[in-house]
Amino acid sequence: MIVSCFLEFKKNFMKKKILIITFPLGGPRVWAENLAKHLRGRGFDATVAFGRKEYFKQLFQRYDIVHSAVAVPNLLCKKYILTIHGNYKEEKLIGRIMTPLTIRHADAVTVPSQFLKDALGIEKATVIPNGIDLPEKTKNDYRLTNAAPTIGILTNFNFRKKANGLICLAKIVRRISPEIKLIVGGGGEFFEEYKKIVLDIHPNTEFLGQCKKEDLFNQIDIFTYYSLLDNQPIAILEAMAFGLPVMSNNVGAVKEILTGKLENYIAKTDEEYGNLLKELLNSQEAREENGQEAKKLSQNFSWNKIVEDWIRLYNE
């Protein structure tokens, strides 16, 4: 009894106490919550603080590691790690000022892609990709699911450059065929504005709003991503893991995701995007080859693998 109590005490005492600070919306919050979940599964004491109110509640507590996606230094922790998810040079003034200062203060800096590391010119940055949970059920039937072909995208209507990509996609789809059904998942501040614009371009569009990714993936034949500003889109990784055929415009670090055979499905122009989409729509064999390759490549981004990279960084 005494021995077991001592071992339990020792186990809890040796746990690293980690605070993960993130933004209240979007991909960074999803990233932080998933990272914390997988760290807890490996015995770490991980807390997530999102938004100013939550962060300041934690500000004067001591942590072994503060791991922040927001440029706010913490002087009480033993180790401070800054993760940069996007190009801070394009953010509001406070981001452009605080981020360089925080980079200098940080014990370690990470970015999710080589693309972003090069764009920001941060030599000290370590590249650790975004992670995803691999689904239990995946797509294995690549026949068209409906009488009319159905394609889909997950996007974020809080950012205009992401949402503007949907307008480009709608124009491409209209040019190919008005019979193609486009299903859009995602919500945000500008949702109603873009919904009206897109429906005027391609009326055969359905908006799911904020939804579970499976609600979209189960209805579509091809995942068609298009954004005008991005880094390493988690939506593409999740569609790949589901086994969907995937394609994208050439944005951000997409070339670090769609590798090997899937490089051929990164469109450099809207005309090329349309031709690649027609190729996938017209060939079950092409859809199956793309989807199976996507499923295989997605294994490289499994949280079970990515969390080990974070643990190594914490222990350095």
Protein backbone atom coordinates (compact mmCIF):
# COMPACT_ATOMS: atom_id res chain seq x y z
CA MET A 1 0.00 0.00 0.00
CA ILE A 2 2.76 2.44 1.02
CA VAL A 3 4.84 1.48 -2.03
CA SER A 4 1.92 1.97 -4.45
CA CYS A 5 1.09 5.38 -2.91
CA PHE A 6 4.74 6.40 -3.23
CA LEU A 7 4.85 5.32 -6.89
CA GLU A 8 1.66 7.23 -7.64
CA PHE A 9 3.07 10.31 -5.88
CA LYS A 10 6.33 9.98 -7.82
CA LYS A 11 4.44 9.60 -11.10
CA ASN A 12 2.39 12.76 -10.48
CA PHE A 13 5.39 14.68 -9.17
CA MET A 14 7.39 13.92 -12.31
CA LYS A 15 4.64 15.04 -14.68
CA LYS A 16 5.62 18.10 -16.65
CA LYS A 17 3.08 20.87 -16.14
CA ILE A 18 2.37 22.48 -19.53
CA LEU A 19 0.24 25.52 -20.41
CA ILE A 20 -0.79 25.80 -24.07
CA ILE A 21 -1.93 29.31 -25.07
CA THR A 22 -3.92 29.77 -28.26
CA PHE A 23 -6.41 31.93 -30.11
CA PRO A 24 -10.11 31.44 -29.31
CA LEU A 25 -11.13 30.52 -32.89
CA GLY A 26 -9.99 28.56 -35.91
CA GLY A 27 -7.20 26.09 -36.59
CA PRO A 28 -4.85 27.17 -33.77
CA ARG A 29 -7.47 26.38 -31.13
CA VAL A 30 -8.19 22.97 -32.68
CA TRP A 31 -4.44 22.33 -32.77
CA ALA A 32 -4.01 23.30 -29.09
CA GLU A 33 -6.90 21.17 -27.85
CA ASN A 34 -5.70 18.12 -29.77
CA LEU A 35 -2.10 18.60 -28.64
CA ALA A 36 -3.24 18.82 -25.00
CA LYS A 37 -5.38 15.69 -25.39
CA HIS A 38 -2.50 13.63 -26.77
CA LEU A 39 -0.04 14.98 -24.19
CA ARG A 40 -2.40 13.98 -21.39
CA GLY A 41 -2.58 10.53 -22.94
CA ARG A 42 1.19 10.31 -22.41
CA GLY A 43 1.14 11.45 -18.81
CA PHE A 44 1.64 15.21 -19.13
CA ASP A 45 -0.40 17.72 -17.14
CA ALA A 46 -1.54 19.93 -20.04
CA THR A 47 -3.86 22.95 -19.73
CA VAL A 48 -5.24 25.02 -22.62
CA ALA A 49 -5.87 28.78 -22.26
CA PHE A 50 -7.58 30.55 -25.16
CA GLY A 51 -8.41 34.23 -25.38
CA ARG A 52 -7.15 37.07 -23.19
CA LYS A 53 -9.35 36.33 -20.17
CA GLU A 54 -8.32 32.68 -19.99
CA TYR A 55 -4.67 33.50 -20.53
CA PHE A 56 -4.45 36.16 -17.82
CA LYS A 57 -6.07 33.75 -15.34
CA GLN A 58 -3.00 31.53 -15.83
CA LEU A 59 -0.41 34.30 -16.16
CA PHE A 60 0.96 34.18 -12.60
CA GLN A 61 0.94 30.43 -12.16
CA ARG A 62 4.16 28.49 -12.55
CA TYR A 63 4.52 25.95 -15.34
CA ASP A 64 7.39 23.77 -16.47
CA ILE A 65 6.59 24.72 -20.06
CA VAL A 66 4.50 27.47 -21.58
CA HIS A 67 3.76 26.62 -25.20
CA SER A 68 2.11 29.56 -26.92
CA ALA A 69 0.58 30.17 -30.34
CA VAL A 70 0.16 33.81 -29.31
CA ALA A 71 3.09 36.22 -29.04
CA VAL A 72 2.83 36.78 -25.28
CA PRO A 73 5.99 35.92 -23.29
CA ASN A 74 5.70 34.26 -19.88
CA LEU A 75 8.56 34.91 -17.45
CA LEU A 76 7.59 32.40 -14.75
CA CYS A 77 7.97 29.17 -16.72
CA LYS A 78 11.10 27.04 -16.97
CA LYS A 79 10.82 26.81 -20.75
CA TYR A 80 8.93 28.99 -23.24
CA ILE A 81 8.03 27.67 -26.72
CA LEU A 82 6.44 29.84 -29.41
CA THR A 83 4.55 28.18 -32.27
CA ILE A 84 3.76 30.43 -35.24
CA HIS A 85 0.88 29.20 -37.40
CA GLY A 86 0.76 31.99 -39.98
CA ASN A 87 2.58 34.94 -41.51
CA TYR A 88 2.61 37.43 -38.63
CA LYS A 89 4.01 40.09 -40.99
CA GLU A 90 0.54 40.29 -42.55
CA GLU A 91 -1.26 40.61 -39.21
CA LYS A 92 -2.39 43.70 -37.29
CA LEU A 93 0.24 46.03 -35.82
CA ILE A 94 0.46 44.35 -32.41
CA GLY A 95 1.28 41.00 -34.05
CA ARG A 96 3.98 42.54 -36.22
CA ILE A 97 5.57 44.19 -33.18
CA MET A 98 5.20 41.51 -30.51
CA THR A 99 6.12 38.43 -32.53
CA PRO A 100 9.77 39.39 -33.29
CA LEU A 101 10.25 40.32 -29.62
CA THR A 102 8.76 37.01 -28.49
CA ILE A 103 10.91 35.05 -30.96
CA ARG A 104 14.02 36.50 -29.33
CA HIS A 105 12.73 35.64 -25.85
CA ALA A 106 11.61 32.07 -26.69
CA ASP A 107 13.68 29.02 -25.79
CA ALA A 108 12.36 27.37 -28.96
CA VAL A 109 10.31 28.48 -31.96
CA THR A 110 8.32 26.14 -34.20
CA VAL A 111 6.37 26.44 -37.44
CA PRO A 112 4.21 23.78 -39.15
CA SER A 113 5.96 23.91 -42.53
CA GLN A 114 9.21 24.64 -44.30
CA PHE A 115 7.22 27.05 -46.46
CA LEU A 116 6.40 29.23 -43.45
CA LYS A 117 9.93 28.98 -42.03
CA ASP A 118 11.31 30.28 -45.34
CA ALA A 119 8.63 32.96 -45.70
CA LEU A 120 9.35 34.34 -42.23
CA GLY A 121 13.12 33.86 -42.40
CA ILE A 122 13.38 32.34 -38.90
CA GLU A 123 16.57 30.27 -38.94
CA LYS A 124 16.10 29.01 -35.37
CA ALA A 125 12.61 27.63 -36.08
CA THR A 126 11.94 23.88 -35.92
CA VAL A 127 9.39 22.48 -38.38
CA ILE A 128 6.74 20.32 -36.67
CA PRO A 129 3.71 19.72 -38.94
CA ASN A 130 0.09 19.96 -37.89
CA GLY A 131 -1.37 16.69 -36.61
CA ILE A 132 -4.67 14.93 -37.24
CA ASP A 133 -6.54 12.07 -35.61
CA LEU A 134 -6.93 9.24 -38.12
CA PRO A 135 -10.58 8.17 -38.57
CA GLU A 136 -11.79 4.66 -37.81
CA LYS A 137 -13.98 4.54 -40.94
CA THR A 138 -12.57 5.59 -44.30
CA LYS A 139 -13.73 5.77 -47.89
CA ASN A 140 -13.17 2.70 -50.08
CA ASP A 141 -15.87 3.01 -52.76
CA TYR A 142 -14.95 5.50 -55.46
CA ARG A 143 -18.05 5.33 -57.60
CA LEU A 144 -19.94 8.63 -57.82
CA THR A 145 -22.31 8.74 -54.86
CA ASN A 146 -25.15 10.64 -56.57
CA ALA A 147 -26.66 11.03 -60.02
CA ALA A 148 -24.77 14.32 -60.31
CA PRO A 149 -21.11 14.52 -59.20
CA THR A 150 -20.66 16.12 -55.77
CA ILE A 151 -17.58 18.00 -54.60
CA GLY A 152 -16.89 19.82 -51.36
CA ILE A 153 -14.68 22.13 -49.34
CA LEU A 154 -14.19 23.08 -45.69
CA THR A 155 -13.27 26.72 -45.23
CA ASN A 156 -13.20 29.49 -42.63
CA PHE A 157 -15.40 32.53 -43.15
CA ASN A 158 -13.56 34.56 -40.52
CA PHE A 159 -10.76 35.22 -43.02
CA ARG A 160 -11.54 36.90 -46.32
CA LYS A 161 -8.56 35.47 -48.21
CA LYS A 162 -9.72 31.96 -47.34
CA ALA A 163 -13.33 32.73 -48.23
CA ASN A 164 -12.32 34.43 -51.48
CA GLY A 165 -10.92 31.09 -52.57
CA LEU A 166 -14.45 29.72 -52.47
CA ILE A 167 -15.51 32.36 -55.01
CA CYS A 168 -12.71 31.20 -57.34
CA LEU A 169 -13.82 27.58 -56.89
CA ALA A 170 -17.46 28.40 -57.62
CA LYS A 171 -16.48 30.12 -60.88
CA ILE A 172 -14.43 27.10 -61.96
CA VAL A 173 -17.29 24.71 -61.18
CA ARG A 174 -19.82 26.87 -63.05
CA ARG A 175 -17.56 26.89 -66.10
CA ILE A 176 -17.20 23.09 -66.07
CA SER A 177 -20.83 22.16 -65.49
CA PRO A 178 -23.83 23.69 -63.70
CA GLU A 179 -24.87 20.14 -62.73
CA ILE A 180 -21.94 19.66 -60.33
CA LYS A 181 -23.09 20.01 -56.74
CA LEU A 182 -20.76 21.99 -54.48
CA ILE A 183 -21.12 21.46 -50.72
CA VAL A 184 -19.45 23.94 -48.38
CA GLY A 185 -18.69 23.35 -44.71
CA GLY A 186 -17.59 26.02 -42.25
CA GLY A 187 -18.84 29.18 -40.61
CA GLY A 188 -17.60 32.55 -39.49
CA GLU A 189 -18.14 36.29 -39.44
CA PHE A 190 -18.57 36.71 -43.20
CA PHE A 191 -20.63 33.55 -43.80
CA GLU A 192 -23.89 35.16 -44.99
CA GLU A 193 -22.05 37.63 -47.24
CA TYR A 194 -20.13 34.91 -49.07
CA LYS A 195 -23.10 32.55 -49.18
CA LYS A 196 -25.03 35.10 -51.26
CA ILE A 197 -22.08 35.78 -53.59
CA VAL A 198 -21.39 32.08 -54.22
CA LEU A 199 -25.05 31.18 -54.80
CA ASP A 200 -25.25 33.94 -57.41
CA ILE A 201 -22.26 32.36 -59.19
CA HIS A 202 -23.17 28.67 -58.81
CA PRO A 203 -26.75 28.12 -57.56
CA ASN A 204 -26.17 24.38 -57.16
CA THR A 205 -24.27 25.00 -53.91
CA GLU A 206 -25.27 23.80 -50.45
CA PHE A 207 -23.92 25.45 -47.29
CA LEU A 208 -23.71 23.25 -44.18
CA GLY A 209 -22.43 26.01 -41.89
CA GLN A 210 -20.30 24.95 -38.93
CA CYS A 211 -20.37 21.16 -39.10
CA LYS A 212 -18.53 17.98 -38.28
CA LYS A 213 -16.08 17.15 -41.05
CA GLU A 214 -17.73 13.74 -41.47
CA ASP A 215 -21.03 15.47 -42.31
CA LEU A 216 -19.32 16.86 -45.39
CA PHE A 217 -16.95 14.00 -46.24
CA ASN A 218 -19.72 11.39 -46.35
CA GLN A 219 -21.61 13.36 -49.02
CA ILE A 220 -18.90 14.19 -51.53
CA ASP A 221 -16.89 12.43 -54.24
CA ILE A 222 -13.89 14.80 -54.27
CA PHE A 223 -12.44 17.27 -51.77
CA THR A 224 -11.68 20.44 -53.72
CA TYR A 225 -9.63 22.90 -51.67
CA TYR A 226 -9.06 26.49 -52.75
CA SER A 227 -7.67 29.36 -50.65
CA LEU A 228 -5.85 32.60 -51.39
CA LEU A 229 -3.92 32.63 -48.09
CA ASP A 230 -2.91 29.56 -46.14
CA ASN A 231 -0.07 27.67 -44.57
CA GLN A 232 -0.70 23.96 -43.99
CA PRO A 233 -4.46 23.38 -44.28
CA ILE A 234 -5.67 20.83 -41.73
CA ALA A 235 -8.84 20.40 -43.80
CA ILE A 236 -6.81 18.81 -46.61
CA LEU A 237 -5.05 16.47 -44.18
CA GLU A 238 -8.36 15.35 -42.69
CA ALA A 239 -9.89 14.75 -46.14
CA MET A 240 -6.80 12.72 -47.08
CA ALA A 241 -7.09 10.59 -43.95
CA PHE A 242 -10.74 9.89 -44.78
CA GLY A 243 -9.60 8.56 -48.16
CA LEU A 244 -11.20 11.23 -50.33
CA PRO A 245 -9.60 12.16 -53.65
CA VAL A 246 -8.10 15.59 -53.00
CA MET A 247 -6.90 18.54 -55.05
CA SER A 248 -5.94 22.14 -54.35
CA ASN A 249 -4.66 25.34 -55.81
CA ASN A 250 -0.98 26.06 -55.20
CA VAL A 251 -1.15 27.87 -51.85
CA GLY A 252 1.10 27.87 -48.79
CA ALA A 253 2.65 24.55 -47.88
CA VAL A 254 0.29 22.40 -49.94
CA LYS A 255 3.34 20.99 -51.78
CA GLU A 256 4.53 19.59 -48.43
CA ILE A 257 1.21 17.74 -48.02
CA LEU A 258 0.34 16.59 -51.53
CA THR A 259 3.58 14.82 -52.38
CA GLY A 260 4.54 12.03 -54.77
CA LYS A 261 1.69 11.18 -57.15
CA LEU A 262 -0.55 13.80 -55.51
CA GLU A 263 1.75 16.62 -56.65
CA ASN A 264 -0.09 16.30 -59.97
CA TYR A 265 -3.28 17.53 -58.27
CA ILE A 266 -1.91 20.93 -57.25
CA ALA A 267 -3.21 23.42 -59.83
CA LYS A 268 -1.09 26.42 -60.74
CA THR A 269 -3.91 28.20 -62.64
CA ASP A 270 -7.71 28.14 -62.57
CA GLU A 271 -7.73 26.58 -66.04
CA GLU A 272 -5.49 23.76 -64.81
CA TYR A 273 -7.71 23.38 -61.73
CA GLY A 274 -10.73 22.87 -63.96
CA ASN A 275 -8.93 20.29 -66.11
CA LEU A 276 -7.76 18.32 -63.06
CA LEU A 277 -11.26 18.38 -61.61
CA LYS A 278 -12.73 17.06 -64.87
CA GLU A 279 -10.12 14.29 -64.90
CA LEU A 280 -11.17 13.14 -61.43
CA LEU A 281 -14.86 13.45 -62.19
CA ASN A 282 -14.57 11.40 -65.38
CA SER A 283 -12.41 8.55 -64.05
CA GLN A 284 -13.22 6.23 -61.16
CA GLU A 285 -9.72 4.79 -61.50
CA ALA A 286 -8.14 8.26 -61.04
CA ARG A 287 -10.34 8.93 -58.00
CA GLU A 288 -9.40 5.62 -56.40
CA GLU A 289 -5.67 6.03 -57.06
CA ASN A 290 -5.75 9.57 -55.64
CA GLY A 291 -7.86 8.65 -52.59
CA GLN A 292 -5.80 5.60 -51.63
CA GLU A 293 -2.54 7.52 -52.01
CA ALA A 294 -3.99 10.36 -49.92
CA LYS A 295 -4.94 7.92 -47.18
CA LYS A 296 -1.41 6.49 -47.14
CA LEU A 297 0.31 9.90 -47.02
CA SER A 298 -1.96 11.10 -44.21
CA GLN A 299 -0.29 8.58 -41.86
CA ASN A 300 2.73 10.91 -41.73
CA PHE A 301 0.57 13.53 -39.99
CA SER A 302 -1.07 11.28 -37.38
CA TRP A 303 -1.15 12.88 -33.91
CA ASN A 304 0.33 9.66 -32.53
CA LYS A 305 3.45 10.44 -34.56
CA ILE A 306 3.46 14.25 -34.32
CA VAL A 307 3.05 14.35 -30.53
CA GLU A 308 6.36 12.50 -30.19
CA ASP A 309 8.08 15.41 -31.97
CA TRP A 310 6.62 17.79 -29.36
CA ILE A 311 7.70 15.58 -26.48
CA ARG A 312 11.26 15.47 -27.79
CA LEU A 313 11.26 19.29 -27.99
CA TYR A 314 9.90 19.60 -24.44
CA ASN A 315 12.62 17.29 -23.14
CA GLU A 316 15.55 18.99 -24.88
